[in-house]
């Protein structure tokens, strides 16, 4: 199976990537490293440093297609959403719309959110 994991350098994302790689799946990680860490990245997975709110750059991770997208990228902290509401909206809402649009464009039929 080929999987794309957005937020794959974060806590949940990196553990998901490790599990998928251990199963023998081909994994692509898309993460901007704003909250994730380089040391969390699985060396076997392909890594694209990109922000999901940038459709064109995020699209690079989707070019080879996939069987499933695990969408785990977000700015999840409530205090940040009050301090930076436009940034939070851009990543969490627009970014999710971009992931859905890219999945549609590249005919990826399954998404875990």
N, C-alpha and C. Protein backbone atom coordinates (compact mmCIF):
# COMPACT_ATOMS: atom_id res chain seq x y z
N UNK A 1 0.84 -1.17 0.00
CA UNK A 1 0.00 0.00 0.00
C UNK A 1 0.89 1.24 0.00
N UNK A 2 0.42 2.28 -0.65
CA UNK A 2 1.12 3.57 -0.65
C UNK A 2 0.25 4.56 0.13
N UNK A 3 0.86 5.22 1.12
CA UNK A 3 0.13 6.15 1.98
C UNK A 3 0.82 7.49 2.03
N UNK A 4 0.02 8.54 2.13
CA UNK A 4 0.52 9.89 2.38
C UNK A 4 0.08 10.24 3.79
N UNK A 5 1.01 10.72 4.61
CA UNK A 5 0.69 11.13 5.97
C UNK A 5 1.02 12.60 6.11
N UNK A 6 -0.02 13.44 6.24
CA UNK A 6 0.22 14.85 6.51
C UNK A 6 0.45 14.97 8.02
N UNK A 7 1.38 15.83 8.39
CA UNK A 7 1.72 15.94 9.81
C UNK A 7 2.53 14.74 10.30
N UNK A 8 3.25 14.11 9.40
CA UNK A 8 3.99 12.89 9.72
C UNK A 8 5.22 13.07 10.58
N UNK A 9 5.56 14.32 10.94
CA UNK A 9 6.69 14.56 11.84
C UNK A 9 6.21 14.91 13.25
N UNK A 10 4.90 14.93 13.43
CA UNK A 10 4.33 15.18 14.75
C UNK A 10 4.27 13.90 15.57
N UNK A 11 3.73 13.99 16.76
CA UNK A 11 3.70 12.83 17.66
C UNK A 11 2.86 11.69 17.09
N UNK A 12 1.60 11.95 16.82
CA UNK A 12 0.71 10.90 16.29
C UNK A 12 1.13 10.52 14.88
N UNK A 13 1.44 11.52 14.06
CA UNK A 13 1.83 11.26 12.68
C UNK A 13 3.07 10.41 12.57
N UNK A 14 4.08 10.70 13.37
CA UNK A 14 5.34 9.93 13.27
C UNK A 14 5.14 8.49 13.72
N UNK A 15 4.31 8.28 14.73
CA UNK A 15 4.03 6.91 15.16
C UNK A 15 3.22 6.17 14.09
N UNK A 16 2.33 6.87 13.44
CA UNK A 16 1.56 6.26 12.35
C UNK A 16 2.49 5.87 11.20
N UNK A 17 3.40 6.77 10.85
CA UNK A 17 4.37 6.50 9.79
C UNK A 17 5.22 5.28 10.16
N UNK A 18 5.72 5.25 11.38
CA UNK A 18 6.54 4.11 11.81
C UNK A 18 5.77 2.80 11.67
N UNK A 19 4.50 2.79 12.05
CA UNK A 19 3.67 1.59 11.94
C UNK A 19 3.51 1.17 10.47
N UNK A 20 3.20 2.14 9.62
CA UNK A 20 3.01 1.84 8.20
C UNK A 20 4.29 1.32 7.55
N UNK A 21 5.42 1.94 7.87
CA UNK A 21 6.71 1.49 7.33
C UNK A 21 7.01 0.07 7.82
N UNK A 22 6.75 -0.20 9.10
CA UNK A 22 7.01 -1.52 9.65
C UNK A 22 6.15 -2.59 8.96
N UNK A 23 4.98 -2.20 8.49
CA UNK A 23 4.10 -3.13 7.75
C UNK A 23 4.61 -3.39 6.34
N UNK A 24 5.54 -2.55 5.90
CA UNK A 24 6.06 -2.69 4.55
C UNK A 24 5.39 -1.76 3.55
N UNK A 25 4.60 -0.82 4.04
CA UNK A 25 3.94 0.14 3.15
C UNK A 25 4.91 1.20 2.68
N UNK A 26 4.64 1.76 1.51
CA UNK A 26 5.40 2.89 0.98
C UNK A 26 4.74 4.15 1.53
N UNK A 27 5.52 5.01 2.19
CA UNK A 27 4.95 6.15 2.90
C UNK A 27 5.59 7.45 2.45
N UNK A 28 4.73 8.45 2.25
CA UNK A 28 5.16 9.81 1.95
C UNK A 28 4.69 10.69 3.11
N UNK A 29 5.59 11.48 3.64
CA UNK A 29 5.26 12.40 4.73
C UNK A 29 5.25 13.82 4.18
N UNK A 30 4.19 14.56 4.48
CA UNK A 30 4.09 15.98 4.16
C UNK A 30 3.96 16.74 5.48
N UNK A 31 4.94 17.57 5.77
CA UNK A 31 4.94 18.30 7.05
C UNK A 31 5.76 19.57 6.89
N UNK A 32 5.33 20.65 7.52
CA UNK A 32 6.10 21.90 7.44
C UNK A 32 7.05 22.08 8.63
N UNK A 33 7.04 21.13 9.55
CA UNK A 33 7.91 21.13 10.73
C UNK A 33 7.65 22.31 11.67
N UNK A 34 6.47 22.90 11.60
CA UNK A 34 6.17 24.00 12.53
C UNK A 34 5.95 23.48 13.95
N UNK A 35 5.37 22.30 14.09
CA UNK A 35 5.22 21.69 15.41
C UNK A 35 5.86 20.30 15.45
N UNK A 36 6.02 19.67 14.29
CA UNK A 36 6.69 18.38 14.22
C UNK A 36 8.19 18.57 14.30
N UNK A 37 8.89 17.46 14.46
CA UNK A 37 10.34 17.52 14.63
C UNK A 37 11.04 16.64 13.60
N UNK A 38 12.17 17.12 13.10
CA UNK A 38 12.97 16.37 12.14
C UNK A 38 13.34 15.01 12.71
N UNK A 39 13.67 14.96 13.98
CA UNK A 39 14.08 13.69 14.58
C UNK A 39 12.94 12.67 14.66
N UNK A 40 11.70 13.12 14.48
CA UNK A 40 10.56 12.19 14.45
C UNK A 40 10.38 11.52 13.09
N UNK A 41 11.03 12.04 12.06
CA UNK A 41 10.83 11.52 10.71
C UNK A 41 11.44 10.13 10.56
N UNK A 42 10.69 9.25 9.95
CA UNK A 42 11.19 7.91 9.64
C UNK A 42 12.07 8.02 8.39
N UNK A 43 13.26 7.51 8.46
CA UNK A 43 14.22 7.66 7.36
C UNK A 43 13.83 6.89 6.10
N UNK A 44 12.97 5.91 6.24
CA UNK A 44 12.54 5.12 5.09
C UNK A 44 11.46 5.85 4.29
N UNK A 45 10.67 6.65 4.97
CA UNK A 45 9.58 7.38 4.31
C UNK A 45 10.15 8.54 3.48
N UNK A 46 9.48 8.84 2.37
CA UNK A 46 9.83 10.02 1.58
C UNK A 46 9.27 11.24 2.31
N UNK A 47 10.07 12.31 2.36
CA UNK A 47 9.65 13.50 3.11
C UNK A 47 9.56 14.70 2.19
N UNK A 48 8.42 15.40 2.26
CA UNK A 48 8.21 16.66 1.55
C UNK A 48 7.92 17.73 2.59
N UNK A 49 8.82 18.70 2.68
CA UNK A 49 8.59 19.81 3.61
C UNK A 49 7.68 20.81 2.92
N UNK A 50 6.46 20.88 3.39
CA UNK A 50 5.48 21.78 2.77
C UNK A 50 4.38 22.07 3.77
N UNK A 51 3.73 23.18 3.55
CA UNK A 51 2.59 23.59 4.35
C UNK A 51 1.33 23.20 3.59
N UNK A 52 0.41 22.51 4.25
CA UNK A 52 -0.79 22.06 3.56
C UNK A 52 -1.69 23.20 3.11
N UNK A 53 -1.48 24.38 3.66
CA UNK A 53 -2.29 25.52 3.23
C UNK A 53 -1.80 26.09 1.89
N UNK A 54 -0.68 25.59 1.40
CA UNK A 54 -0.15 25.98 0.09
C UNK A 54 -0.44 24.83 -0.87
N UNK A 55 -1.51 24.96 -1.64
CA UNK A 55 -1.99 23.89 -2.52
C UNK A 55 -0.90 23.37 -3.45
N UNK A 56 -0.20 24.27 -4.09
CA UNK A 56 0.80 23.87 -5.08
C UNK A 56 1.95 23.09 -4.44
N UNK A 57 2.47 23.60 -3.35
CA UNK A 57 3.59 22.91 -2.68
C UNK A 57 3.15 21.60 -2.06
N UNK A 58 1.98 21.58 -1.44
CA UNK A 58 1.47 20.34 -0.85
C UNK A 58 1.24 19.29 -1.93
N UNK A 59 0.88 19.75 -3.12
CA UNK A 59 0.61 18.86 -4.22
C UNK A 59 1.80 18.02 -4.64
N UNK A 60 3.01 18.47 -4.34
CA UNK A 60 4.20 17.69 -4.69
C UNK A 60 4.19 16.33 -4.01
N UNK A 61 3.66 16.27 -2.80
CA UNK A 61 3.61 15.00 -2.07
C UNK A 61 2.59 14.03 -2.68
N UNK A 62 1.68 14.54 -3.48
CA UNK A 62 0.59 13.72 -4.04
C UNK A 62 0.86 13.24 -5.45
N UNK A 63 1.87 13.75 -6.10
CA UNK A 63 2.09 13.52 -7.53
C UNK A 63 2.15 12.06 -7.94
N UNK A 64 2.71 11.22 -7.10
CA UNK A 64 2.83 9.80 -7.47
C UNK A 64 1.60 9.01 -7.04
N UNK A 65 0.60 9.70 -6.50
CA UNK A 65 -0.62 9.02 -6.10
C UNK A 65 -0.45 8.24 -4.80
N UNK A 66 -1.53 7.64 -4.35
CA UNK A 66 -1.53 6.86 -3.12
C UNK A 66 -2.84 6.08 -3.03
N UNK A 67 -2.85 5.15 -2.12
CA UNK A 67 -4.07 4.40 -1.84
C UNK A 67 -4.89 5.07 -0.74
N UNK A 68 -4.20 5.79 0.14
CA UNK A 68 -4.87 6.41 1.28
C UNK A 68 -4.08 7.64 1.74
N UNK A 69 -4.80 8.60 2.28
CA UNK A 69 -4.20 9.76 2.93
C UNK A 69 -4.59 9.73 4.41
N UNK A 70 -3.60 9.81 5.27
CA UNK A 70 -3.83 9.99 6.70
C UNK A 70 -3.60 11.47 6.97
N UNK A 71 -4.68 12.21 7.18
CA UNK A 71 -4.57 13.66 7.34
C UNK A 71 -4.48 14.00 8.83
N UNK A 72 -3.25 14.23 9.29
CA UNK A 72 -2.98 14.49 10.69
C UNK A 72 -2.35 15.85 10.93
N UNK A 73 -2.19 16.65 9.88
CA UNK A 73 -1.59 17.98 10.02
C UNK A 73 -2.63 18.97 10.53
N UNK A 74 -2.22 19.79 11.48
CA UNK A 74 -3.11 20.82 12.04
C UNK A 74 -2.34 21.71 13.00
N UNK A 75 -2.95 22.83 13.30
CA UNK A 75 -2.50 23.65 14.43
C UNK A 75 -3.56 23.43 15.52
N UNK A 76 -3.31 22.50 16.45
CA UNK A 76 -4.37 22.03 17.33
C UNK A 76 -4.58 22.80 18.64
N UNK A 77 -3.79 23.78 18.91
CA UNK A 77 -3.87 24.43 20.22
C UNK A 77 -4.91 25.55 20.25
N UNK A 78 -5.85 25.45 21.18
CA UNK A 78 -6.93 26.42 21.30
C UNK A 78 -6.40 27.83 21.60
N UNK A 79 -5.45 28.00 22.52
CA UNK A 79 -4.95 29.36 22.76
C UNK A 79 -4.39 30.02 21.50
N UNK A 80 -3.72 29.24 20.66
CA UNK A 80 -3.20 29.78 19.41
C UNK A 80 -4.33 30.23 18.49
N UNK A 81 -5.45 29.52 18.52
CA UNK A 81 -6.57 29.90 17.66
C UNK A 81 -7.16 31.25 18.05
N UNK A 82 -7.02 31.64 19.32
CA UNK A 82 -7.47 32.97 19.74
C UNK A 82 -6.42 34.03 19.42
N UNK A 83 -5.17 33.66 19.57
CA UNK A 83 -4.08 34.61 19.32
C UNK A 83 -3.87 34.83 17.83
N UNK A 84 -3.95 33.76 17.03
CA UNK A 84 -3.69 33.80 15.59
C UNK A 84 -4.85 33.13 14.83
N UNK A 85 -6.04 33.72 14.87
CA UNK A 85 -7.20 33.05 14.26
C UNK A 85 -7.08 32.85 12.76
N UNK A 86 -6.48 33.79 12.04
CA UNK A 86 -6.37 33.65 10.59
C UNK A 86 -5.37 32.57 10.21
N UNK A 87 -4.26 32.50 10.92
CA UNK A 87 -3.28 31.45 10.68
C UNK A 87 -3.89 30.08 10.95
N UNK A 88 -4.56 29.95 12.08
CA UNK A 88 -5.19 28.68 12.45
C UNK A 88 -6.23 28.27 11.41
N UNK A 89 -7.04 29.22 10.97
CA UNK A 89 -8.04 28.93 9.95
C UNK A 89 -7.38 28.52 8.64
N UNK A 90 -6.32 29.20 8.27
CA UNK A 90 -5.62 28.90 7.02
C UNK A 90 -5.11 27.47 7.01
N UNK A 91 -4.49 27.06 8.08
CA UNK A 91 -3.93 25.71 8.13
C UNK A 91 -5.03 24.66 8.31
N UNK A 92 -5.88 24.85 9.30
CA UNK A 92 -6.85 23.81 9.65
C UNK A 92 -8.00 23.68 8.66
N UNK A 93 -8.50 24.78 8.16
CA UNK A 93 -9.64 24.72 7.23
C UNK A 93 -9.19 24.70 5.77
N UNK A 94 -8.44 25.71 5.38
CA UNK A 94 -7.98 25.76 3.99
C UNK A 94 -7.06 24.57 3.70
N UNK A 95 -6.20 24.24 4.64
CA UNK A 95 -5.31 23.10 4.46
C UNK A 95 -6.07 21.80 4.26
N UNK A 96 -7.12 21.59 5.04
CA UNK A 96 -7.94 20.39 4.88
C UNK A 96 -8.65 20.39 3.53
N UNK A 97 -9.15 21.53 3.11
CA UNK A 97 -9.76 21.62 1.78
C UNK A 97 -8.74 21.30 0.69
N UNK A 98 -7.52 21.77 0.85
CA UNK A 98 -6.46 21.46 -0.12
C UNK A 98 -6.19 19.96 -0.17
N UNK A 99 -6.13 19.32 0.98
CA UNK A 99 -5.89 17.87 1.02
C UNK A 99 -7.03 17.12 0.34
N UNK A 100 -8.26 17.53 0.59
CA UNK A 100 -9.40 16.90 -0.07
C UNK A 100 -9.35 17.11 -1.58
N UNK A 101 -9.02 18.33 -2.01
CA UNK A 101 -8.93 18.62 -3.44
C UNK A 101 -7.81 17.83 -4.11
N UNK A 102 -6.67 17.72 -3.44
CA UNK A 102 -5.55 16.95 -3.99
C UNK A 102 -5.88 15.46 -4.05
N UNK A 103 -6.55 14.96 -3.03
CA UNK A 103 -6.95 13.56 -3.04
C UNK A 103 -7.91 13.29 -4.20
N UNK A 104 -8.80 14.22 -4.45
CA UNK A 104 -9.72 14.08 -5.57
C UNK A 104 -8.96 14.14 -6.90
N UNK A 105 -8.08 15.11 -7.03
CA UNK A 105 -7.31 15.28 -8.26
C UNK A 105 -6.50 14.03 -8.60
N UNK A 106 -5.89 13.42 -7.59
CA UNK A 106 -5.03 12.27 -7.81
C UNK A 106 -5.75 10.94 -7.58
N UNK A 107 -7.08 11.01 -7.50
CA UNK A 107 -7.93 9.82 -7.41
C UNK A 107 -7.59 8.92 -6.22
N UNK A 108 -7.32 9.55 -5.10
CA UNK A 108 -7.09 8.82 -3.85
C UNK A 108 -8.45 8.65 -3.19
N UNK A 109 -8.87 7.43 -3.05
CA UNK A 109 -10.25 7.16 -2.66
C UNK A 109 -10.48 7.04 -1.18
N UNK A 110 -9.41 6.94 -0.39
CA UNK A 110 -9.58 6.78 1.06
C UNK A 110 -8.80 7.85 1.81
N UNK A 111 -9.45 8.35 2.87
CA UNK A 111 -8.80 9.34 3.71
C UNK A 111 -9.16 9.06 5.17
N UNK A 112 -8.16 9.09 6.02
CA UNK A 112 -8.36 8.95 7.45
C UNK A 112 -8.07 10.31 8.06
N UNK A 113 -9.05 10.83 8.80
CA UNK A 113 -8.93 12.19 9.36
C UNK A 113 -9.15 12.12 10.84
